[in-house]
Amino acid sequence: MDKGPEFTSSNYKLSCKGKEIIRVYSKSDKHMQNGYIERFNRTSREDILDAYLISSLKQYQILSDMLSLDYNDNPPHINLGP
C-alpha cells in the first residue's frame, strides 16, 4: 500500500494492530510497485462503488463476483471482431 494519509493515521494503525494485520508499504521511489493494486482499486471504485449503494462487505463481494463473471463471459473487446 502507499503511504497516503488514510494508511498512516493512528486509528488505522491501531485497528491493524488489534486485528494482527501486518502493514507493508511500497517504496516511495517505486511508483509502479503497486500499479496492479491501484488499477484494481480504480476499477472497483468506478464499476461497483460509484454505481451501487453498498451496505455490507458481503453485498460488495456478490456484486464483484457477478461483474467478474459477466466480464469473463462477455468481454467488452469481443464485439470488435477479427
PDB file of N, CA and C in Angstrom:
ATOM      1  N   MET A   1       0.839  -1.172   0.000  1.00  0.00           N
ATOM      2  CA  MET A   1       0.000   0.000   0.000  1.00  0.00           C
ATOM      3  C   MET A   1       0.884   1.235   0.000  1.00  0.00           C
ATOM      4  N   ASP A   2       0.320   2.345  -0.420  1.00  0.00           N
ATOM      5  CA  ASP A   2       1.110   3.564  -0.422  1.00  0.00           C
ATOM      6  C   ASP A   2       1.065   4.220   0.961  1.00  0.00           C
ATOM      7  N   LYS A   3       1.758   5.318   1.092  1.00  0.00           N
ATOM      8  CA  LYS A   3       1.845   5.979   2.391  1.00  0.00           C
ATOM      9  C   LYS A   3       0.916   7.189   2.450  1.00  0.00           C
ATOM     10  N   GLY A   4      -0.251   7.061   1.831  1.00  0.00           N
ATOM     11  CA  GLY A   4      -1.249   8.122   1.883  1.00  0.00           C
ATOM     12  C   GLY A   4      -1.783   8.278   3.296  1.00  0.00           C
ATOM     13  N   PRO A   5      -2.432   9.414   3.570  1.00  0.00           N
ATOM     14  CA  PRO A   5      -2.906   9.692   4.928  1.00  0.00           C
ATOM     15  C   PRO A   5      -3.902   8.660   5.451  1.00  0.00           C
ATOM     16  N   GLU A   6      -4.660   8.030   4.553  1.00  0.00           N
ATOM     17  CA  GLU A   6      -5.632   7.036   5.009  1.00  0.00           C
ATOM     18  C   GLU A   6      -4.954   5.773   5.523  1.00  0.00           C
ATOM     19  N   PHE A   7      -3.682   5.566   5.171  1.00  0.00           N
ATOM     20  CA  PHE A   7      -2.968   4.372   5.608  1.00  0.00           C
ATOM     21  C   PHE A   7      -1.904   4.653   6.672  1.00  0.00           C
ATOM     22  N   THR A   8      -1.782   5.897   7.071  1.00  0.00           N
ATOM     23  CA  THR A   8      -0.778   6.229   8.075  1.00  0.00           C
ATOM     24  C   THR A   8      -1.394   6.830   9.338  1.00  0.00           C
ATOM     25  N   SER A   9      -2.710   6.938   9.405  1.00  0.00           N
ATOM     26  CA  SER A   9      -3.349   7.517  10.588  1.00  0.00           C
ATOM     27  C   SER A   9      -3.188   6.586  11.783  1.00  0.00           C
ATOM     28  N   SER A  10      -3.205   7.162  12.956  1.00  0.00           N
ATOM     29  CA  SER A  10      -3.033   6.353  14.165  1.00  0.00           C
ATOM     30  C   SER A  10      -4.214   5.409  14.374  1.00  0.00           C
ATOM     31  N   ASN A  11      -5.429   5.826  14.001  1.00  0.00           N
ATOM     32  CA  ASN A  11      -6.590   4.930  14.127  1.00  0.00           C
ATOM     33  C   ASN A  11      -6.420   3.698  13.245  1.00  0.00           C
ATOM     34  N   TYR A  12      -5.953   3.903  12.032  1.00  0.00           N
ATOM     35  CA  TYR A  12      -5.739   2.785  11.109  1.00  0.00           C
ATOM     36  C   TYR A  12      -4.669   1.843  11.657  1.00  0.00           C
ATOM     37  N   LYS A  13      -3.582   2.410  12.144  1.00  0.00           N
ATOM     38  CA  LYS A  13      -2.500   1.591  12.688  1.00  0.00           C
ATOM     39  C   LYS A  13      -2.974   0.772  13.889  1.00  0.00           C
ATOM     40  N   LEU A  14      -3.756   1.400  14.779  1.00  0.00           N
ATOM     41  CA  LEU A  14      -4.275   0.685  15.944  1.00  0.00           C
ATOM     42  C   LEU A  14      -5.244  -0.421  15.532  1.00  0.00           C
ATOM     43  N   SER A  15      -6.075  -0.145  14.539  1.00  0.00           N
ATOM     44  CA  SER A  15      -7.016  -1.146  14.044  1.00  0.00           C
ATOM     45  C   SER A  15      -6.273  -2.353  13.485  1.00  0.00           C
ATOM     46  N   CYS A  16      -5.231  -2.099  12.698  1.00  0.00           N
ATOM     47  CA  CYS A  16      -4.430  -3.196  12.140  1.00  0.00           C
ATOM     48  C   CYS A  16      -3.757  -3.995  13.243  1.00  0.00           C
ATOM     49  N   LYS A  17      -3.209  -3.294  14.216  1.00  0.00           N
ATOM     50  CA  LYS A  17      -2.520  -3.977  15.302  1.00  0.00           C
ATOM     51  C   LYS A  17      -3.490  -4.856  16.091  1.00  0.00           C
ATOM     52  N   GLY A  18      -4.694  -4.343  16.346  1.00  0.00           N
ATOM     53  CA  GLY A  18      -5.692  -5.098  17.089  1.00  0.00           C
ATOM     54  C   GLY A  18      -6.158  -6.335  16.347  1.00  0.00           C
ATOM     55  N   LYS A  19      -6.097  -6.304  15.012  1.00  0.00           N
ATOM     56  CA  LYS A  19      -6.533  -7.450  14.203  1.00  0.00           C
ATOM     57  C   LYS A  19      -5.349  -8.269  13.696  1.00  0.00           C
ATOM     58  N   GLU A  20      -4.156  -7.941  14.195  1.00  0.00           N
ATOM     59  CA  GLU A  20      -2.915  -8.630  13.837  1.00  0.00           C
ATOM     60  C   GLU A  20      -2.652  -8.600  12.329  1.00  0.00           C
ATOM     61  N   ILE A  21      -2.904  -7.443  11.724  1.00  0.00           N
ATOM     62  CA  ILE A  21      -2.643  -7.236  10.299  1.00  0.00           C
ATOM     63  C   ILE A  21      -1.271  -6.587  10.158  1.00  0.00           C
ATOM     64  N   ILE A  22      -0.442  -7.154   9.326  1.00  0.00           N
ATOM     65  CA  ILE A  22       0.892  -6.602   9.078  1.00  0.00           C
ATOM     66  C   ILE A  22       0.792  -5.639   7.909  1.00  0.00           C
ATOM     67  N   ARG A  23       1.168  -4.398   8.132  1.00  0.00           N
ATOM     68  CA  ARG A  23       1.114  -3.379   7.078  1.00  0.00           C
ATOM     69  C   ARG A  23       2.427  -3.386   6.314  1.00  0.00           C
ATOM     70  N   VAL A  24       2.347  -3.405   4.984  1.00  0.00           N
ATOM     71  CA  VAL A  24       3.527  -3.375   4.127  1.00  0.00           C
ATOM     72  C   VAL A  24       3.346  -2.214   3.156  1.00  0.00           C
ATOM     73  N   TYR A  25       4.251  -1.262   3.208  1.00  0.00           N
ATOM     74  CA  TYR A  25       4.160  -0.074   2.360  1.00  0.00           C
ATOM     75  C   TYR A  25       5.075  -0.218   1.147  1.00  0.00           C
ATOM     76  N   SER A  26       4.650   0.368   0.040  1.00  0.00           N
ATOM     77  CA  SER A  26       5.502   0.379  -1.145  1.00  0.00           C
ATOM     78  C   SER A  26       6.609   1.398  -0.935  1.00  0.00           C
ATOM     79  N   LYS A  27       7.708   1.209  -1.641  1.00  0.00           N
ATOM     80  CA  LYS A  27       8.830   2.139  -1.546  1.00  0.00           C
ATOM     81  C   LYS A  27       8.456   3.438  -2.239  1.00  0.00           C
ATOM     82  N   SER A  28       8.819   4.551  -1.646  1.00  0.00           N
ATOM     83  CA  SER A  28       8.399   5.846  -2.186  1.00  0.00           C
ATOM     84  C   SER A  28       8.999   6.145  -3.556  1.00  0.00           C
ATOM     85  N   ASP A  29      10.128   5.551  -3.900  1.00  0.00           N
ATOM     86  CA  ASP A  29      10.725   5.806  -5.214  1.00  0.00           C
ATOM     87  C   ASP A  29      10.265   4.790  -6.268  1.00  0.00           C
ATOM     88  N   LYS A  30       9.400   3.874  -5.895  1.00  0.00           N
ATOM     89  CA  LYS A  30       8.883   2.843  -6.805  1.00  0.00           C
ATOM     90  C   LYS A  30       7.393   3.082  -7.038  1.00  0.00           C
ATOM     91  N   HIS A  31       7.072   4.042  -7.908  1.00  0.00           N
ATOM     92  CA  HIS A  31       5.687   4.447  -8.105  1.00  0.00           C
ATOM     93  C   HIS A  31       4.818   3.355  -8.705  1.00  0.00           C
ATOM     94  N   MET A  32       5.380   2.485  -9.520  1.00  0.00           N
ATOM     95  CA  MET A  32       4.584   1.424 -10.135  1.00  0.00           C
ATOM     96  C   MET A  32       4.655   0.113  -9.358  1.00  0.00           C
ATOM     97  N   GLN A  33       5.228   0.151  -8.177  1.00  0.00           N
ATOM     98  CA  GLN A  33       5.333  -1.068  -7.384  1.00  0.00           C
ATOM     99  C   GLN A  33       3.947  -1.627  -7.048  1.00  0.00           C
ATOM    100  N   ASN A  34       2.983  -0.741  -6.880  1.00  0.00           N
ATOM    101  CA  ASN A  34       1.633  -1.204  -6.581  1.00  0.00           C
ATOM    102  C   ASN A  34       0.658  -0.800  -7.691  1.00  0.00           C
ATOM    103  N   GLY A  35       1.121  -0.741  -8.916  1.00  0.00           N
ATOM    104  CA  GLY A  35       0.285  -0.339 -10.048  1.00  0.00           C
ATOM    105  C   GLY A  35      -0.888  -1.264 -10.276  1.00  0.00           C
ATOM    106  N   TYR A  36      -0.683  -2.564 -10.096  1.00  0.00           N
ATOM    107  CA  TYR A  36      -1.757  -3.533 -10.274  1.00  0.00           C
ATOM    108  C   TYR A  36      -2.881  -3.276  -9.268  1.00  0.00           C
ATOM    109  N   ILE A  37      -2.502  -3.046  -8.022  1.00  0.00           N
ATOM    110  CA  ILE A  37      -3.491  -2.784  -6.966  1.00  0.00           C
ATOM    111  C   ILE A  37      -4.191  -1.457  -7.209  1.00  0.00           C
ATOM    112  N   GLU A  38      -3.424  -0.439  -7.616  1.00  0.00           N
ATOM    113  CA  GLU A  38      -4.029   0.863  -7.893  1.00  0.00           C
ATOM    114  C   GLU A  38      -5.057   0.751  -9.014  1.00  0.00           C
ATOM    115  N   ARG A  39      -4.768  -0.025 -10.044  1.00  0.00           N
ATOM    116  CA  ARG A  39      -5.718  -0.196 -11.141  1.00  0.00           C
ATOM    117  C   ARG A  39      -6.947  -0.956 -10.662  1.00  0.00           C
ATOM    118  N   PHE A  40      -6.736  -1.988  -9.855  1.00  0.00           N
ATOM    119  CA  PHE A  40      -7.868  -2.725  -9.298  1.00  0.00           C
ATOM    120  C   PHE A  40      -8.743  -1.803  -8.460  1.00  0.00           C
ATOM    121  N   ASN A  41      -8.133  -0.995  -7.611  1.00  0.00           N
ATOM    122  CA  ASN A  41      -8.894  -0.076  -6.765  1.00  0.00           C
ATOM    123  C   ASN A  41      -9.712   0.898  -7.604  1.00  0.00           C
ATOM    124  N   ARG A  42      -9.125   1.432  -8.669  1.00  0.00           N
ATOM    125  CA  ARG A  42      -9.835   2.380  -9.533  1.00  0.00           C
ATOM    126  C   ARG A  42     -10.997   1.686 -10.236  1.00  0.00           C
ATOM    127  N   THR A  43     -10.741   0.513 -10.790  1.00  0.00           N
ATOM    128  CA  THR A  43     -11.788  -0.225 -11.493  1.00  0.00           C
ATOM    129  C   THR A  43     -12.910  -0.615 -10.538  1.00  0.00           C
ATOM    130  N   SER A  44     -12.552  -1.081  -9.368  1.00  0.00           N
ATOM    131  CA  SER A  44     -13.545  -1.461  -8.367  1.00  0.00           C
ATOM    132  C   SER A  44     -14.388  -0.259  -7.967  1.00  0.00           C
ATOM    133  N   ARG A  45     -13.740   0.856  -7.762  1.00  0.00           N
ATOM    134  CA  ARG A  45     -14.454   2.074  -7.371  1.00  0.00           C
ATOM    135  C   ARG A  45     -15.409   2.525  -8.475  1.00  0.00           C
ATOM    136  N   GLU A  46     -14.941   2.541  -9.712  1.00  0.00           N
ATOM    137  CA  GLU A  46     -15.765   3.020 -10.817  1.00  0.00           C
ATOM    138  C   GLU A  46     -16.905   2.058 -11.154  1.00  0.00           C
ATOM    139  N   ASP A  47     -16.631   0.760 -11.173  1.00  0.00           N
ATOM    140  CA  ASP A  47     -17.623  -0.220 -11.610  1.00  0.00           C
ATOM    141  C   ASP A  47     -18.605  -0.646 -10.525  1.00  0.00           C
ATOM    142  N   ILE A  48     -18.190  -0.563  -9.272  1.00  0.00           N
ATOM    143  CA  ILE A  48     -19.061  -1.047  -8.200  1.00  0.00           C
ATOM    144  C   ILE A  48     -19.431   0.048  -7.211  1.00  0.00           C
ATOM    145  N   LEU A  49     -18.437   0.634  -6.585  1.00  0.00           N
ATOM    146  CA  LEU A  49     -18.727   1.575  -5.502  1.00  0.00           C
ATOM    147  C   LEU A  49     -19.411   2.849  -5.979  1.00  0.00           C
ATOM    148  N   ASP A  50     -19.082   3.323  -7.181  1.00  0.00           N
ATOM    149  CA  ASP A  50     -19.733   4.523  -7.703  1.00  0.00           C
ATOM    150  C   ASP A  50     -21.099   4.221  -8.311  1.00  0.00           C
ATOM    151  N   ALA A  51     -21.345   2.967  -8.655  1.00  0.00           N
ATOM    152  CA  ALA A  51     -22.579   2.601  -9.356  1.00  0.00           C
ATOM    153  C   ALA A  51     -23.660   2.035  -8.434  1.00  0.00           C
ATOM    154  N   TYR A  52     -23.292   1.520  -7.275  1.00  0.00           N
ATOM    155  CA  TYR A  52     -24.248   0.859  -6.384  1.00  0.00           C
ATOM    156  C   TYR A  52     -24.136   1.425  -4.975  1.00  0.00           C
ATOM    157  N   LEU A  53     -25.240   1.338  -4.249  1.00  0.00           N
ATOM    158  CA  LEU A  53     -25.239   1.690  -2.836  1.00  0.00           C
ATOM    159  C   LEU A  53     -24.975   0.404  -2.062  1.00  0.00           C
ATOM    160  N   ILE A  54     -23.788   0.271  -1.517  1.00  0.00           N
ATOM    161  CA  ILE A  54     -23.348  -0.955  -0.850  1.00  0.00           C
ATOM    162  C   ILE A  54     -23.599  -0.820   0.648  1.00  0.00           C
ATOM    163  N   SER A  55     -24.202  -1.857   1.245  1.00  0.00           N
ATOM    164  CA  SER A  55     -24.477  -1.800   2.678  1.00  0.00           C
ATOM    165  C   SER A  55     -23.666  -2.814   3.489  1.00  0.00           C
ATOM    166  N   SER A  56     -22.963  -3.713   2.800  1.00  0.00           N
ATOM    167  CA  SER A  56     -22.158  -4.693   3.530  1.00  0.00           C
ATOM    168  C   SER A  56     -21.031  -5.214   2.646  1.00  0.00           C
ATOM    169  N   LEU A  57     -20.051  -5.791   3.270  1.00  0.00           N
ATOM    170  CA  LEU A  57     -18.944  -6.392   2.544  1.00  0.00           C
ATOM    171  C   LEU A  57     -19.427  -7.584   1.719  1.00  0.00           C
ATOM    172  N   LYS A  58     -20.377  -8.338   2.256  1.00  0.00           N
ATOM    173  CA  LYS A  58     -20.942  -9.482   1.541  1.00  0.00           C
ATOM    174  C   LYS A  58     -21.627  -9.019   0.250  1.00  0.00           C
ATOM    175  N   GLN A  59     -22.366  -7.925   0.323  1.00  0.00           N
ATOM    176  CA  GLN A  59     -23.031  -7.391  -0.865  1.00  0.00           C
ATOM    177  C   GLN A  59     -21.998  -6.959  -1.907  1.00  0.00           C
ATOM    178  N   TYR A  60     -20.919  -6.335  -1.460  1.00  0.00           N
ATOM    179  CA  TYR A  60     -19.843  -5.946  -2.374  1.00  0.00           C
ATOM    180  C   TYR A  60     -19.245  -7.182  -3.047  1.00  0.00           C
ATOM    181  N   GLN A  61     -19.014  -8.235  -2.276  1.00  0.00           N
ATOM    182  CA  GLN A  61     -18.433  -9.464  -2.817  1.00  0.00           C
ATOM    183  C   GLN A  61     -19.333 -10.077  -3.880  1.00  0.00           C
ATOM    184  N   ILE A  62     -20.641 -10.086  -3.632  1.00  0.00           N
ATOM    185  CA  ILE A  62     -21.597 -10.642  -4.597  1.00  0.00           C
ATOM    186  C   ILE A  62     -21.571  -9.831  -5.892  1.00  0.00           C
ATOM    187  N   LEU A  63     -21.626  -8.507  -5.781  1.00  0.00           N
ATOM    188  CA  LEU A  63     -21.588  -7.651  -6.971  1.00  0.00           C
ATOM    189  C   LEU A  63     -20.278  -7.815  -7.728  1.00  0.00           C
ATOM    190  N   SER A  64     -19.189  -7.883  -6.989  1.00  0.00           N
ATOM    191  CA  SER A  64     -17.877  -8.051  -7.599  1.00  0.00           C
ATOM    192  C   SER A  64     -17.795  -9.361  -8.363  1.00  0.00           C
ATOM    193  N   ASP A  65     -18.290 -10.421  -7.766  1.00  0.00           N
ATOM    194  CA  ASP A  65     -18.291 -11.731  -8.431  1.00  0.00           C
ATOM    195  C   ASP A  65     -19.161 -11.714  -9.687  1.00  0.00           C
ATOM    196  N   MET A  66     -20.345 -11.096  -9.594  1.00  0.00           N
ATOM    197  CA  MET A  66     -21.244 -11.027 -10.747  1.00  0.00           C
ATOM    198  C   MET A  66     -20.602 -10.260 -11.901  1.00  0.00           C
ATOM    199  N   LEU A  67     -19.994  -9.118 -11.600  1.00  0.00           N
ATOM    200  CA  LEU A  67     -19.357  -8.321 -12.644  1.00  0.00           C
ATOM    201  C   LEU A  67     -18.155  -9.040 -13.241  1.00  0.00           C
ATOM    202  N   SER A  68     -17.437  -9.765 -12.401  1.00  0.00           N
ATOM    203  CA  SER A  68     -16.279 -10.515 -12.871  1.00  0.00           C
ATOM    204  C   SER A  68     -16.708 -11.632 -13.826  1.00  0.00           C
ATOM    205  N   LEU A  69     -17.749 -12.349 -13.472  1.00  0.00           N
ATOM    206  CA  LEU A  69     -18.260 -13.414 -14.342  1.00  0.00           C
ATOM    207  C   LEU A  69     -18.779 -12.838 -15.659  1.00  0.00           C
ATOM    208  N   ASP A  70     -19.486 -11.725 -15.577  1.00  0.00           N
ATOM    209  CA  ASP A  70     -20.009 -11.087 -16.783  1.00  0.00           C
ATOM    210  C   ASP A  70     -18.867 -10.651 -17.700  1.00  0.00           C
ATOM    211  N   TYR A  71     -17.834 -10.069 -17.121  1.00  0.00           N
ATOM    212  CA  TYR A  71     -16.686  -9.622 -17.914  1.00  0.00           C
ATOM    213  C   TYR A  71     -15.993 -10.807 -18.583  1.00  0.00           C
ATOM    214  N   ASN A  72     -15.853 -11.911 -17.839  1.00  0.00           N
ATOM    215  CA  ASN A  72     -15.184 -13.090 -18.393  1.00  0.00           C
ATOM    216  C   ASN A  72     -16.016 -13.770 -19.479  1.00  0.00           C
ATOM    217  N   ASP A  73     -17.341 -13.752 -19.330  1.00  0.00           N
ATOM    218  CA  ASP A  73     -18.216 -14.371 -20.324  1.00  0.00           C
ATOM    219  C   ASP A  73     -18.486 -13.473 -21.522  1.00  0.00           C
ATOM    220  N   ASN A  74     -18.487 -12.167 -21.305  1.00  0.00           N
ATOM    221  CA  ASN A  74     -18.799 -11.195 -22.358  1.00  0.00           C
ATOM    222  C   ASN A  74     -17.784 -10.051 -22.349  1.00  0.00           C
ATOM    223  N   PRO A  75     -16.534 -10.329 -22.673  1.00  0.00           N
ATOM    224  CA  PRO A  75     -15.521  -9.261 -22.625  1.00  0.00           C
ATOM    225  C   PRO A  75     -15.879  -8.126 -23.576  1.00  0.00           C
ATOM    226  N   PRO A  76     -15.615  -6.885 -23.173  1.00  0.00           N
ATOM    227  CA  PRO A  76     -16.020  -5.736 -23.981  1.00  0.00           C
ATOM    228  C   PRO A  76     -15.355  -5.686 -25.356  1.00  0.00           C
ATOM    229  N   HIS A  77     -14.196  -6.280 -25.529  1.00  0.00           N
ATOM    230  CA  HIS A  77     -13.492  -6.223 -26.803  1.00  0.00           C
ATOM    231  C   HIS A  77     -13.957  -7.278 -27.802  1.00  0.00           C
ATOM    232  N   ILE A  78     -14.845  -8.176 -27.396  1.00  0.00           N
ATOM    233  CA  ILE A  78     -15.286  -9.259 -28.286  1.00  0.00           C
ATOM    234  C   ILE A  78     -16.092  -8.715 -29.472  1.00  0.00           C
ATOM    235  N   ASN A  79     -16.733  -7.579 -29.333  1.00  0.00           N
ATOM    236  CA  ASN A  79     -17.544  -7.004 -30.407  1.00  0.00           C
ATOM    237  C   ASN A  79     -16.715  -6.336 -31.496  1.00  0.00           C
ATOM    238  N   LEU A  80     -15.421  -6.245 -31.305  1.00  0.00           N
ATOM    239  CA  LEU A  80     -14.563  -5.605 -32.295  1.00  0.00           C
ATOM    240  C   LEU A  80     -14.354  -6.495 -33.512  1.00  0.00           C
ATOM    241  N   GLY A  81     -14.574  -7.788 -33.349  1.00  0.00           N
ATOM    242  CA  GLY A  81     -14.422  -8.717 -34.473  1.00  0.00           C
ATOM    243  C   GLY A  81     -12.965  -9.039 -34.777  1.00  0.00           C
ATOM    244  N   PRO A  82     -12.747  -9.852 -35.832  1.00  0.00           N
ATOM    245  CA  PRO A  82     -11.372 -10.274 -36.151  1.00  0.00           C
ATOM    246  C   PRO A  82     -10.552  -9.160 -36.786  1.00  0.00           C
TER     247      PRO A  82
END
